[in-house]
PDB file of N, CA and C in Angstrom:
ATOM      1  N   MET A   1     -10.328  27.587  52.855  1.00  0.00           N
ATOM      2  CA  MET A   1      -9.557  27.067  51.741  1.00  0.00           C
ATOM      3  C   MET A   1      -8.758  25.855  52.202  1.00  0.00           C
ATOM      4  N   TYR A   2      -8.375  25.057  51.248  1.00  0.00           N
ATOM      5  CA  TYR A   2      -7.628  23.827  51.498  1.00  0.00           C
ATOM      6  C   TYR A   2      -6.484  23.781  50.489  1.00  0.00           C
ATOM      7  N   ILE A   3      -5.275  23.462  50.968  1.00  0.00           N
ATOM      8  CA  ILE A   3      -4.110  23.388  50.076  1.00  0.00           C
ATOM      9  C   ILE A   3      -3.529  21.985  50.151  1.00  0.00           C
ATOM     10  N   GLY A   4      -3.357  21.357  48.992  1.00  0.00           N
ATOM     11  CA  GLY A   4      -2.743  20.034  48.912  1.00  0.00           C
ATOM     12  C   GLY A   4      -1.442  20.128  48.140  1.00  0.00           C
ATOM     13  N   LEU A   5      -0.350  19.585  48.699  1.00  0.00           N
ATOM     14  CA  LEU A   5       0.966  19.643  48.065  1.00  0.00           C
ATOM     15  C   LEU A   5       1.306  18.310  47.423  1.00  0.00           C
ATOM     16  N   GLU A   6       1.975  18.350  46.294  1.00  0.00           N
ATOM     17  CA  GLU A   6       2.418  17.131  45.610  1.00  0.00           C
ATOM     18  C   GLU A   6       3.936  17.184  45.467  1.00  0.00           C
ATOM     19  N   PHE A   7       4.611  16.319  46.200  1.00  0.00           N
ATOM     20  CA  PHE A   7       6.066  16.240  46.152  1.00  0.00           C
ATOM     21  C   PHE A   7       6.470  15.192  45.130  1.00  0.00           C
ATOM     22  N   SER A   8       7.457  15.510  44.311  1.00  0.00           N
ATOM     23  CA  SER A   8       7.928  14.569  43.300  1.00  0.00           C
ATOM     24  C   SER A   8       9.151  13.814  43.807  1.00  0.00           C
ATOM     25  N   PRO A   9       9.043  12.516  44.074  1.00  0.00           N
ATOM     26  CA  PRO A   9      10.222  11.752  44.499  1.00  0.00           C
ATOM     27  C   PRO A   9      11.270  11.665  43.400  1.00  0.00           C
ATOM     28  N   ARG A  10      10.826  11.760  42.164  1.00  0.00           N
ATOM     29  CA  ARG A  10      11.756  11.686  41.030  1.00  0.00           C
ATOM     30  C   ARG A  10      12.671  12.914  40.973  1.00  0.00           C
ATOM     31  N   PHE A  11      12.066  14.103  41.151  1.00  0.00           N
ATOM     32  CA  PHE A  11      12.833  15.335  41.051  1.00  0.00           C
ATOM     33  C   PHE A  11      13.220  15.900  42.414  1.00  0.00           C
ATOM     34  N   LYS A  12      12.685  15.340  43.483  1.00  0.00           N
ATOM     35  CA  LYS A  12      12.997  15.752  44.854  1.00  0.00           C
ATOM     36  C   LYS A  12      12.603  17.197  45.157  1.00  0.00           C
ATOM     37  N   HIS A  13      11.468  17.616  44.638  1.00  0.00           N
ATOM     38  CA  HIS A  13      10.958  18.941  44.973  1.00  0.00           C
ATOM     39  C   HIS A  13       9.447  18.988  44.738  1.00  0.00           C
ATOM     40  N   LEU A  14       8.868  20.101  45.118  1.00  0.00           N
ATOM     41  CA  LEU A  14       7.438  20.316  44.929  1.00  0.00           C
ATOM     42  C   LEU A  14       7.128  20.399  43.445  1.00  0.00           C
ATOM     43  N   ASN A  15       6.227  19.548  42.984  1.00  0.00           N
ATOM     44  CA  ASN A  15       5.822  19.517  41.579  1.00  0.00           C
ATOM     45  C   ASN A  15       4.715  20.524  41.305  1.00  0.00           C
ATOM     46  N   ASN A  16       3.661  20.397  42.063  1.00  0.00           N
ATOM     47  CA  ASN A  16       2.546  21.325  41.948  1.00  0.00           C
ATOM     48  C   ASN A  16       1.743  21.264  43.236  1.00  0.00           C
ATOM     49  N   PHE A  17       0.832  22.176  43.359  1.00  0.00           N
ATOM     50  CA  PHE A  17      -0.077  22.114  44.489  1.00  0.00           C
ATOM     51  C   PHE A  17      -1.457  22.557  44.048  1.00  0.00           C
ATOM     52  N   ILE A  18      -2.444  22.104  44.796  1.00  0.00           N
ATOM     53  CA  ILE A  18      -3.836  22.371  44.467  1.00  0.00           C
ATOM     54  C   ILE A  18      -4.453  23.169  45.604  1.00  0.00           C
ATOM     55  N   VAL A  19      -5.196  24.175  45.248  1.00  0.00           N
ATOM     56  CA  VAL A  19      -5.915  24.987  46.225  1.00  0.00           C
ATOM     57  C   VAL A  19      -7.401  24.783  45.968  1.00  0.00           C
ATOM     58  N   LEU A  20      -8.118  24.434  47.009  1.00  0.00           N
ATOM     59  CA  LEU A  20      -9.569  24.249  46.913  1.00  0.00           C
ATOM     60  C   LEU A  20     -10.256  25.362  47.690  1.00  0.00           C
ATOM     61  N   ALA A  21     -11.356  25.857  47.165  1.00  0.00           N
ATOM     62  CA  ALA A  21     -12.096  26.944  47.805  1.00  0.00           C
ATOM     63  C   ALA A  21     -13.588  26.661  47.744  1.00  0.00           C
ATOM     64  N   SER A  22     -14.313  27.337  48.627  1.00  0.00           N
ATOM     65  CA  SER A  22     -15.762  27.142  48.706  1.00  0.00           C
ATOM     66  C   SER A  22     -16.530  27.963  47.678  1.00  0.00           C
ATOM     67  N   THR A  23     -15.983  29.120  47.321  1.00  0.00           N
ATOM     68  CA  THR A  23     -16.714  30.004  46.408  1.00  0.00           C
ATOM     69  C   THR A  23     -15.842  30.400  45.215  1.00  0.00           C
ATOM     70  N   GLN A  24     -16.503  30.804  44.163  1.00  0.00           N
ATOM     71  CA  GLN A  24     -15.798  31.252  42.968  1.00  0.00           C
ATOM     72  C   GLN A  24     -14.994  32.515  43.277  1.00  0.00           C
ATOM     73  N   LYS A  25     -15.542  33.390  44.095  1.00  0.00           N
ATOM     74  CA  LYS A  25     -14.840  34.632  44.447  1.00  0.00           C
ATOM     75  C   LYS A  25     -13.528  34.316  45.154  1.00  0.00           C
ATOM     76  N   GLU A  26     -13.548  33.373  46.086  1.00  0.00           N
ATOM     77  CA  GLU A  26     -12.329  32.999  46.815  1.00  0.00           C
ATOM     78  C   GLU A  26     -11.254  32.468  45.869  1.00  0.00           C
ATOM     79  N   ILE A  27     -11.650  31.600  44.947  1.00  0.00           N
ATOM     80  CA  ILE A  27     -10.641  30.998  44.064  1.00  0.00           C
ATOM     81  C   ILE A  27     -10.117  32.029  43.061  1.00  0.00           C
ATOM     82  N   GLU A  28     -10.987  32.934  42.605  1.00  0.00           N
ATOM     83  CA  GLU A  28     -10.516  33.997  41.710  1.00  0.00           C
ATOM     84  C   GLU A  28      -9.538  34.919  42.423  1.00  0.00           C
ATOM     85  N   GLU A  29      -9.844  35.279  43.663  1.00  0.00           N
ATOM     86  CA  GLU A  29      -8.947  36.150  44.435  1.00  0.00           C
ATOM     87  C   GLU A  29      -7.614  35.457  44.692  1.00  0.00           C
ATOM     88  N   PHE A  30      -7.642  34.161  44.994  1.00  0.00           N
ATOM     89  CA  PHE A  30      -6.385  33.439  45.173  1.00  0.00           C
ATOM     90  C   PHE A  30      -5.543  33.524  43.907  1.00  0.00           C
ATOM     91  N   GLY A  31      -6.162  33.275  42.745  1.00  0.00           N
ATOM     92  CA  GLY A  31      -5.439  33.306  41.478  1.00  0.00           C
ATOM     93  C   GLY A  31      -4.791  34.647  41.207  1.00  0.00           C
ATOM     94  N   VAL A  32      -5.510  35.711  41.465  1.00  0.00           N
ATOM     95  CA  VAL A  32      -4.983  37.054  41.222  1.00  0.00           C
ATOM     96  C   VAL A  32      -3.818  37.351  42.175  1.00  0.00           C
ATOM     97  N   ILE A  33      -3.969  37.025  43.434  1.00  0.00           N
ATOM     98  CA  ILE A  33      -2.915  37.293  44.421  1.00  0.00           C
ATOM     99  C   ILE A  33      -1.680  36.446  44.137  1.00  0.00           C
ATOM    100  N   TYR A  34      -1.869  35.160  43.854  1.00  0.00           N
ATOM    101  CA  TYR A  34      -0.733  34.283  43.565  1.00  0.00           C
ATOM    102  C   TYR A  34      -0.007  34.750  42.303  1.00  0.00           C
ATOM    103  N   ALA A  35      -0.763  35.120  41.284  1.00  0.00           N
ATOM    104  CA  ALA A  35      -0.163  35.609  40.037  1.00  0.00           C
ATOM    105  C   ALA A  35       0.639  36.881  40.292  1.00  0.00           C
ATOM    106  N   PHE A  36       0.116  37.765  41.123  1.00  0.00           N
ATOM    107  CA  PHE A  36       0.826  38.998  41.446  1.00  0.00           C
ATOM    108  C   PHE A  36       2.130  38.692  42.181  1.00  0.00           C
ATOM    109  N   LEU A  37       2.066  37.815  43.189  1.00  0.00           N
ATOM    110  CA  LEU A  37       3.265  37.483  43.967  1.00  0.00           C
ATOM    111  C   LEU A  37       4.339  36.801  43.130  1.00  0.00           C
ATOM    112  N   MET A  38       3.917  36.000  42.144  1.00  0.00           N
ATOM    113  CA  MET A  38       4.867  35.266  41.308  1.00  0.00           C
ATOM    114  C   MET A  38       5.244  36.036  40.037  1.00  0.00           C
ATOM    115  N   ASP A  39       4.674  37.214  39.858  1.00  0.00           N
ATOM    116  CA  ASP A  39       4.935  38.043  38.684  1.00  0.00           C
ATOM    117  C   ASP A  39       4.490  37.346  37.392  1.00  0.00           C
ATOM    118  N   TYR A  40       3.314  36.717  37.456  1.00  0.00           N
ATOM    119  CA  TYR A  40       2.738  36.038  36.301  1.00  0.00           C
ATOM    120  C   TYR A  40       1.913  37.018  35.478  1.00  0.00           C
ATOM    121  N   VAL A  41       1.715  36.685  34.231  1.00  0.00           N
ATOM    122  CA  VAL A  41       0.839  37.452  33.353  1.00  0.00           C
ATOM    123  C   VAL A  41      -0.379  36.590  33.011  1.00  0.00           C
ATOM    124  N   MET A  42      -1.457  37.248  32.651  1.00  0.00           N
ATOM    125  CA  MET A  42      -2.682  36.512  32.336  1.00  0.00           C
ATOM    126  C   MET A  42      -2.644  36.009  30.905  1.00  0.00           C
ATOM    127  N   ASP A  43      -3.007  34.752  30.749  1.00  0.00           N
ATOM    128  CA  ASP A  43      -3.119  34.148  29.421  1.00  0.00           C
ATOM    129  C   ASP A  43      -4.485  34.521  28.855  1.00  0.00           C
ATOM    130  N   GLN A  44      -4.521  34.888  27.632  1.00  0.00           N
ATOM    131  CA  GLN A  44      -5.777  35.247  26.984  1.00  0.00           C
ATOM    132  C   GLN A  44      -6.463  33.986  26.458  1.00  0.00           C
ATOM    133  N   SER A  45      -6.882  33.139  27.373  1.00  0.00           N
ATOM    134  CA  SER A  45      -7.503  31.864  27.030  1.00  0.00           C
ATOM    135  C   SER A  45      -8.909  32.079  26.487  1.00  0.00           C
ATOM    136  N   LYS A  46      -9.305  31.194  25.623  1.00  0.00           N
ATOM    137  CA  LYS A  46     -10.662  31.250  25.071  1.00  0.00           C
ATOM    138  C   LYS A  46     -11.663  30.523  25.973  1.00  0.00           C
ATOM    139  N   LYS A  47     -11.159  29.779  26.945  1.00  0.00           N
ATOM    140  CA  LYS A  47     -12.048  29.061  27.853  1.00  0.00           C
ATOM    141  C   LYS A  47     -12.596  30.031  28.896  1.00  0.00           C
ATOM    142  N   SER A  48     -13.902  30.164  28.946  1.00  0.00           N
ATOM    143  CA  SER A  48     -14.503  31.104  29.879  1.00  0.00           C
ATOM    144  C   SER A  48     -14.543  30.563  31.307  1.00  0.00           C
ATOM    145  N   ASP A  49     -14.390  29.249  31.471  1.00  0.00           N
ATOM    146  CA  ASP A  49     -14.464  28.683  32.812  1.00  0.00           C
ATOM    147  C   ASP A  49     -13.082  28.433  33.437  1.00  0.00           C
ATOM    148  N   VAL A  50     -12.013  28.910  32.777  1.00  0.00           N
ATOM    149  CA  VAL A  50     -10.649  28.760  33.302  1.00  0.00           C
ATOM    150  C   VAL A  50      -9.885  30.062  33.093  1.00  0.00           C
ATOM    151  N   LYS A  51      -9.200  30.496  34.161  1.00  0.00           N
ATOM    152  CA  LYS A  51      -8.265  31.617  34.024  1.00  0.00           C
ATOM    153  C   LYS A  51      -6.868  31.044  34.220  1.00  0.00           C
ATOM    154  N   ARG A  52      -5.947  31.429  33.353  1.00  0.00           N
ATOM    155  CA  ARG A  52      -4.565  30.934  33.434  1.00  0.00           C
ATOM    156  C   ARG A  52      -3.622  32.120  33.537  1.00  0.00           C
ATOM    157  N   TYR A  53      -2.741  32.047  34.518  1.00  0.00           N
ATOM    158  CA  TYR A  53      -1.671  33.024  34.682  1.00  0.00           C
ATOM    159  C   TYR A  53      -0.367  32.244  34.583  1.00  0.00           C
ATOM    160  N   TYR A  54       0.649  32.837  33.955  1.00  0.00           N
ATOM    161  CA  TYR A  54       1.890  32.091  33.757  1.00  0.00           C
ATOM    162  C   TYR A  54       3.095  33.023  33.813  1.00  0.00           C
ATOM    163  N   SER A  55       4.263  32.418  33.984  1.00  0.00           N
ATOM    164  CA  SER A  55       5.519  33.157  33.985  1.00  0.00           C
ATOM    165  C   SER A  55       5.976  33.358  32.549  1.00  0.00           C
ATOM    166  N   GLU A  56       6.344  34.566  32.220  1.00  0.00           N
ATOM    167  CA  GLU A  56       6.857  34.826  30.869  1.00  0.00           C
ATOM    168  C   GLU A  56       8.223  34.177  30.658  1.00  0.00           C
ATOM    169  N   ASN A  57       8.951  33.927  31.751  1.00  0.00           N
ATOM    170  CA  ASN A  57      10.266  33.284  31.660  1.00  0.00           C
ATOM    171  C   ASN A  57      10.169  31.772  31.521  1.00  0.00           C
ATOM    172  N   SER A  58       9.076  31.211  31.973  1.00  0.00           N
ATOM    173  CA  SER A  58       8.861  29.776  31.884  1.00  0.00           C
ATOM    174  C   SER A  58       7.375  29.493  31.939  1.00  0.00           C
ATOM    175  N   GLY A  59       6.805  29.126  30.820  1.00  0.00           N
ATOM    176  CA  GLY A  59       5.383  28.830  30.763  1.00  0.00           C
ATOM    177  C   GLY A  59       4.976  27.638  31.610  1.00  0.00           C
ATOM    178  N   MET A  60       5.976  26.841  32.073  1.00  0.00           N
ATOM    179  CA  MET A  60       5.668  25.697  32.936  1.00  0.00           C
ATOM    180  C   MET A  60       5.257  26.150  34.327  1.00  0.00           C
ATOM    181  N   ASN A  61       5.656  27.337  34.732  1.00  0.00           N
ATOM    182  CA  ASN A  61       5.224  27.902  36.003  1.00  0.00           C
ATOM    183  C   ASN A  61       3.944  28.665  35.748  1.00  0.00           C
ATOM    184  N   ALA A  62       2.855  28.141  36.282  1.00  0.00           N
ATOM    185  CA  ALA A  62       1.555  28.727  35.983  1.00  0.00           C
ATOM    186  C   ALA A  62       0.557  28.369  37.076  1.00  0.00           C
ATOM    187  N   VAL A  63      -0.574  29.043  37.026  1.00  0.00           N
ATOM    188  CA  VAL A  63      -1.706  28.687  37.864  1.00  0.00           C
ATOM    189  C   VAL A  63      -2.941  28.663  36.968  1.00  0.00           C
ATOM    190  N   LEU A  64      -3.692  27.582  37.074  1.00  0.00           N
ATOM    191  CA  LEU A  64      -4.966  27.436  36.363  1.00  0.00           C
ATOM    192  C   LEU A  64      -6.078  27.559  37.389  1.00  0.00           C
ATOM    193  N   VAL A  65      -6.947  28.541  37.218  1.00  0.00           N
ATOM    194  CA  VAL A  65      -8.046  28.782  38.140  1.00  0.00           C
ATOM    195  C   VAL A  65      -9.327  28.323  37.461  1.00  0.00           C
ATOM    196  N   ASN A  66      -9.950  27.296  38.024  1.00  0.00           N
ATOM    197  CA  ASN A  66     -11.189  26.758  37.464  1.00  0.00           C
ATOM    198  C   ASN A  66     -12.378  27.502  38.057  1.00  0.00           C
ATOM    199  N   LEU A  67     -13.161  28.142  37.214  1.00  0.00           N
ATOM    200  CA  LEU A  67     -14.299  28.933  37.662  1.00  0.00           C
ATOM    201  C   LEU A  67     -15.601  28.148  37.647  1.00  0.00           C
ATOM    202  N   LYS A  68     -15.546  26.926  37.169  1.00  0.00           N
ATOM    203  CA  LYS A  68     -16.725  26.070  37.110  1.00  0.00           C
ATOM    204  C   LYS A  68     -16.737  25.177  38.354  1.00  0.00           C
ATOM    205  N   PRO A  69     -17.837  25.134  39.085  1.00  0.00           N
ATOM    206  CA  PRO A  69     -17.875  24.281  40.278  1.00  0.00           C
ATOM    207  C   PRO A  69     -17.773  22.801  39.914  1.00  0.00           C
ATOM    208  N   GLU A  70     -17.099  22.048  40.773  1.00  0.00           N
ATOM    209  CA  GLU A  70     -16.922  20.618  40.567  1.00  0.00           C
ATOM    210  C   GLU A  70     -17.221  19.885  41.863  1.00  0.00           C
ATOM    211  N   ASN A  71     -17.564  18.624  41.762  1.00  0.00           N
ATOM    212  CA  ASN A  71     -17.714  17.780  42.936  1.00  0.00           C
ATOM    213  C   ASN A  71     -16.341  17.162  43.204  1.00  0.00           C
ATOM    214  N   LEU A  72     -15.570  17.778  44.085  1.00  0.00           N
ATOM    215  CA  LEU A  72     -14.202  17.338  44.337  1.00  0.00           C
ATOM    216  C   LEU A  72     -14.099  16.328  45.474  1.00  0.00           C
ATOM    217  N   GLY A  73     -15.239  15.954  46.062  1.00  0.00           N
ATOM    218  CA  GLY A  73     -15.222  14.958  47.129  1.00  0.00           C
ATOM    219  C   GLY A  73     -14.785  15.502  48.469  1.00  0.00           C
ATOM    220  N   LYS A  74     -14.611  16.803  48.578  1.00  0.00           N
ATOM    221  CA  LYS A  74     -14.209  17.412  49.833  1.00  0.00           C
ATOM    222  C   LYS A  74     -15.126  18.601  50.125  1.00  0.00           C
ATOM    223  N   PRO A  75     -16.407  18.329  50.406  1.00  0.00           N
ATOM    224  CA  PRO A  75     -17.319  19.443  50.680  1.00  0.00           C
ATOM    225  C   PRO A  75     -16.771  20.275  51.839  1.00  0.00           C
ATOM    226  N   PRO A  76     -16.916  21.546  51.841  1.00  0.00           N
ATOM    227  CA  PRO A  76     -17.697  22.376  50.927  1.00  0.00           C
ATOM    228  C   PRO A  76     -16.873  22.952  49.781  1.00  0.00           C
ATOM    229  N   PHE A  77     -15.726  22.364  49.463  1.00  0.00           N
ATOM    230  CA  PHE A  77     -14.830  22.924  48.448  1.00  0.00           C
ATOM    231  C   PHE A  77     -15.276  22.513  47.045  1.00  0.00           C
ATOM    232  N   LYS A  78     -15.732  23.485  46.262  1.00  0.00           N
ATOM    233  CA  LYS A  78     -16.242  23.203  44.923  1.00  0.00           C
ATOM    234  C   LYS A  78     -15.378  23.797  43.819  1.00  0.00           C
ATOM    235  N   TYR A  79     -14.426  24.652  44.191  1.00  0.00           N
ATOM    236  CA  TYR A  79     -13.603  25.343  43.186  1.00  0.00           C
ATOM    237  C   TYR A  79     -12.140  24.995  43.393  1.00  0.00           C
ATOM    238  N   ARG A  80     -11.383  24.982  42.300  1.00  0.00           N
ATOM    239  CA  ARG A  80     -10.012  24.493  42.364  1.00  0.00           C
ATOM    240  C   ARG A  80      -9.071  25.363  41.529  1.00  0.00           C
ATOM    241  N   ALA A  81      -7.866  25.524  42.045  1.00  0.00           N
ATOM    242  CA  ALA A  81      -6.771  26.132  41.294  1.00  0.00           C
ATOM    243  C   ALA A  81      -5.600  25.167  41.353  1.00  0.00           C
ATOM    244  N   ILE A  82      -4.951  24.948  40.227  1.00  0.00           N
ATOM    245  CA  ILE A  82      -3.780  24.076  40.168  1.00  0.00           C
ATOM    246  C   ILE A  82      -2.568  24.952  39.885  1.00  0.00           C
ATOM    247  N   CYS A  83      -1.594  24.886  40.778  1.00  0.00           N
ATOM    248  CA  CYS A  83      -0.385  25.698  40.656  1.00  0.00           C
ATOM    249  C   CYS A  83       0.770  24.793  40.248  1.00  0.00           C
ATOM    250  N   PHE A  84       1.328  25.045  39.095  1.00  0.00           N
ATOM    251  CA  PHE A  84       2.453  24.264  38.584  1.00  0.00           C
ATOM    252  C   PHE A  84       3.750  24.966  38.975  1.00  0.00           C
ATOM    253  N   VAL A  85       4.666  24.210  39.558  1.00  0.00           N
ATOM    254  CA  VAL A  85       5.899  24.779  40.095  1.00  0.00           C
ATOM    255  C   VAL A  85       7.092  24.008  39.546  1.00  0.00           C
ATOM    256  N   MET A  86       7.965  24.709  38.849  1.00  0.00           N
ATOM    257  CA  MET A  86       9.222  24.104  38.395  1.00  0.00           C
ATOM    258  C   MET A  86      10.348  24.752  39.186  1.00  0.00           C
ATOM    259  N   GLN A  87      10.871  24.026  40.167  1.00  0.00           N
ATOM    260  CA  GLN A  87      11.943  24.550  40.998  1.00  0.00           C
ATOM    261  C   GLN A  87      13.290  24.074  40.486  1.00  0.00           C
ATOM    262  N   GLY A  88      14.328  24.693  40.983  1.00  0.00           N
ATOM    263  CA  GLY A  88      15.674  24.248  40.657  1.00  0.00           C
ATOM    264  C   GLY A  88      16.181  24.735  39.318  1.00  0.00           C
ATOM    265  N   MET A  89      15.386  25.493  38.610  1.00  0.00           N
ATOM    266  CA  MET A  89      15.809  26.003  37.304  1.00  0.00           C
ATOM    267  C   MET A  89      15.720  27.524  37.275  1.00  0.00           C
ATOM    268  N   ASN A  90      15.721  28.137  38.437  1.00  0.00           N
ATOM    269  CA  ASN A  90      15.653  29.593  38.589  1.00  0.00           C
ATOM    270  C   ASN A  90      14.402  30.200  37.983  1.00  0.00           C
ATOM    271  N   PHE A  91      13.294  29.472  38.018  1.00  0.00           N
ATOM    272  CA  PHE A  91      12.055  29.993  37.495  1.00  0.00           C
ATOM    273  C   PHE A  91      11.231  30.690  38.572  1.00  0.00           C
ATOM    274  N   CYS A  92      11.435  30.317  39.832  1.00  0.00           N
ATOM    275  CA  CYS A  92      10.648  30.910  40.919  1.00  0.00           C
ATOM    276  C   CYS A  92      11.413  32.046  41.568  1.00  0.00           C
ATOM    277  N   LYS A  93      10.701  33.045  42.008  1.00  0.00           N
ATOM    278  CA  LYS A  93      11.339  34.171  42.684  1.00  0.00           C
ATOM    279  C   LYS A  93      11.701  33.798  44.100  1.00  0.00           C
TER     280      LYS A  93
END
C-alpha cells in the first residue's frame, strides 16, 4: 500500500490523504478498518463502485473507497481510497 498526505497551508493541518492499494480486497479492508477506528457509519450509496463511510457528527470526515480499478500512474497500485479529515473542530477522535 501507498499513503499520500496533503497538508493545507491555508488551514495549517492535514486536509486529506490518499491510500493506494494493489487489489480490491486490500482497499476494501482498509476502508472497513479505518471506518471502524474513526467510528464512521456506512453511507447507503447507490454507486456500486464506491463505498463511503462517514462520521455522523460531521459528514466532512469521511472515507471514499473506490472499488473500480484505475490507472493511477503508480503501478502496481490500481485502487484508491480518499480520506477526508477536518481537524481542529473536534471531529476526530
